[in-house]
Amino acid sequence: IKDNQLAIALDKVVDFFTGQSILAVSGVVLEAPTKNQLLTPALIARHFGVSVRRVNDTLTAEGYQHKVGTDFEPLELGLPFAVMVDTTKRNCDGSPVRMLKWDSSILDEIEPLFTAVHS
């Protein structure tokens, strides 16, 4: 955990034990490192009017990601757009579930892959 996520996590701990948010009391505003939205494959699918499976299959076939076990990880082509996030879910071994999300700037990059010519 680093940057804003670290500050938020620590603030939650302090709030749990003291009942007060340090961020709220101090008036600190955490600016996001990017103004772009992070997208799941489901949101990308909705944007292009296709299935989530088609999004994942296309991102895999075009070299943006690959599947490792049940998860996806970015490949070199996808790295400029990829953001790995930890979720509140846990694997059966107790480790946090990580999820690959995509910076919304990927939409312009991959739009040609979902045009009528490729349908």
Protein backbone atom coordinates (compact mmCIF):
# COMPACT_ATOMS: atom_id res chain seq x y z
CA ILE A 1 0.00 0.00 0.00
CA LYS A 2 1.39 3.38 -0.94
CA ASP A 3 0.45 6.98 -1.53
CA ASN A 4 -3.26 7.79 -1.17
CA GLN A 5 -4.22 4.18 -0.46
CA LEU A 6 -1.80 4.10 2.47
CA ALA A 7 -3.19 7.33 3.88
CA ILE A 8 -6.76 6.06 3.56
CA ALA A 9 -5.93 2.70 5.13
CA LEU A 10 -4.18 4.34 8.09
CA ASP A 11 -7.03 6.80 8.49
CA LYS A 12 -9.47 3.88 8.72
CA VAL A 13 -7.38 2.28 11.46
CA VAL A 14 -7.19 5.50 13.47
CA ASP A 15 -10.92 6.10 12.99
CA PHE A 16 -11.67 2.54 14.16
CA PHE A 17 -9.71 3.01 17.41
CA THR A 18 -10.44 6.68 18.13
CA GLY A 19 -13.71 7.38 16.36
CA GLN A 20 -12.12 10.28 14.48
CA SER A 21 -10.78 10.55 10.98
CA ILE A 22 -7.39 12.24 10.86
CA LEU A 23 -8.02 13.22 7.25
CA ALA A 24 -11.34 14.87 8.13
CA VAL A 25 -9.97 16.66 11.21
CA SER A 26 -6.86 17.91 9.39
CA GLY A 27 -8.77 18.95 6.29
CA VAL A 28 -6.30 17.10 4.08
CA VAL A 29 -7.65 16.42 0.61
CA LEU A 30 -6.04 13.53 -1.24
CA GLU A 31 -5.71 14.31 -4.91
CA ALA A 32 -5.90 11.28 -7.17
CA PRO A 33 -2.71 10.66 -9.18
CA THR A 34 -4.82 10.59 -12.35
CA LYS A 35 -8.08 12.19 -13.28
CA ASN A 36 -9.04 9.20 -15.42
CA GLN A 37 -11.53 6.63 -14.22
CA LEU A 38 -10.39 3.07 -13.60
CA LEU A 39 -12.41 0.60 -15.63
CA THR A 40 -13.22 -3.05 -15.12
CA PRO A 41 -13.73 -5.28 -18.16
CA ALA A 42 -17.47 -5.02 -17.42
CA LEU A 43 -17.38 -1.24 -17.79
CA ILE A 44 -15.34 -1.53 -20.98
CA ALA A 45 -17.87 -4.06 -22.29
CA ARG A 46 -20.74 -1.71 -21.50
CA HIS A 47 -18.93 1.15 -23.28
CA PHE A 48 -18.53 -0.85 -26.49
CA GLY A 49 -21.81 -2.77 -26.22
CA VAL A 50 -20.14 -6.18 -26.13
CA SER A 51 -19.79 -9.00 -23.60
CA VAL A 52 -17.22 -9.05 -20.81
CA ARG A 53 -15.90 -12.29 -22.28
CA ARG A 54 -15.31 -10.56 -25.61
CA VAL A 55 -13.40 -7.76 -23.87
CA ASN A 56 -11.16 -10.19 -21.99
CA ASP A 57 -10.68 -12.40 -25.04
CA THR A 58 -9.79 -9.38 -27.20
CA LEU A 59 -7.40 -7.87 -24.64
CA THR A 60 -5.73 -11.28 -24.36
CA ALA A 61 -5.58 -11.97 -28.10
CA GLU A 62 -4.19 -8.50 -28.84
CA GLY A 63 -1.43 -8.79 -26.19
CA TYR A 64 -2.68 -6.41 -23.49
CA GLN A 65 -3.11 -9.09 -20.83
CA HIS A 66 -2.72 -12.78 -20.14
CA LYS A 67 -4.44 -15.16 -17.77
CA VAL A 68 -2.61 -16.54 -14.76
CA GLY A 69 -4.76 -19.04 -12.92
CA THR A 70 -8.13 -17.35 -12.63
CA ASP A 71 -6.72 -13.81 -12.80
CA PHE A 72 -5.48 -11.54 -15.55
CA GLU A 73 -2.12 -9.74 -15.51
CA PRO A 74 -0.98 -7.03 -17.88
CA LEU A 75 1.53 -7.66 -20.64
CA GLU A 76 3.99 -5.08 -21.98
CA LEU A 77 1.46 -3.60 -24.41
CA GLY A 78 -1.07 -3.17 -21.60
CA LEU A 79 1.28 -1.79 -18.94
CA PRO A 80 0.73 1.91 -19.79
CA PHE A 81 -3.00 1.45 -19.12
CA ALA A 82 -2.98 -1.24 -16.42
CA VAL A 83 -3.59 -0.65 -12.73
CA MET A 84 -3.47 -3.56 -10.29
CA VAL A 85 -5.68 -2.96 -7.28
CA ASP A 86 -6.13 -4.91 -4.08
CA THR A 87 -9.73 -5.68 -3.22
CA THR A 88 -11.36 -6.40 0.10
CA LYS A 89 -11.95 -9.98 -1.05
CA ARG A 90 -9.64 -12.76 0.13
CA ASN A 91 -8.35 -15.90 -1.56
CA CYS A 92 -8.92 -19.21 0.20
CA ASP A 93 -5.39 -18.91 1.66
CA GLY A 94 -6.27 -15.51 3.17
CA SER A 95 -4.23 -13.42 0.74
CA PRO A 96 -5.93 -10.36 -0.77
CA VAL A 97 -7.46 -10.68 -4.21
CA ARG A 98 -5.77 -8.42 -6.75
CA MET A 99 -7.69 -7.16 -9.75
CA LEU A 100 -6.53 -5.75 -13.04
CA LYS A 101 -8.32 -2.53 -13.91
CA TRP A 102 -7.71 -0.28 -16.88
CA ASP A 103 -7.13 3.46 -17.07
CA SER A 104 -9.95 4.93 -19.14
CA SER A 105 -7.39 6.16 -21.69
CA ILE A 106 -7.34 2.59 -23.00
CA LEU A 107 -10.77 3.15 -24.59
CA ASP A 108 -9.33 5.23 -27.45
CA GLU A 109 -6.50 2.72 -27.86
CA ILE A 110 -8.73 -0.33 -28.22
CA GLU A 111 -11.76 1.22 -29.92
CA PRO A 112 -10.68 -0.05 -33.38
CA LEU A 113 -10.78 -3.60 -31.98
CA PHE A 114 -14.51 -3.26 -31.31
CA THR A 115 -15.65 -1.44 -34.45
CA ALA A 116 -18.07 -2.98 -36.94
CA VAL A 117 -15.18 -4.10 -39.16
CA HIS A 118 -13.95 -6.43 -36.39
CA SER A 119 -17.37 -7.59 -35.22
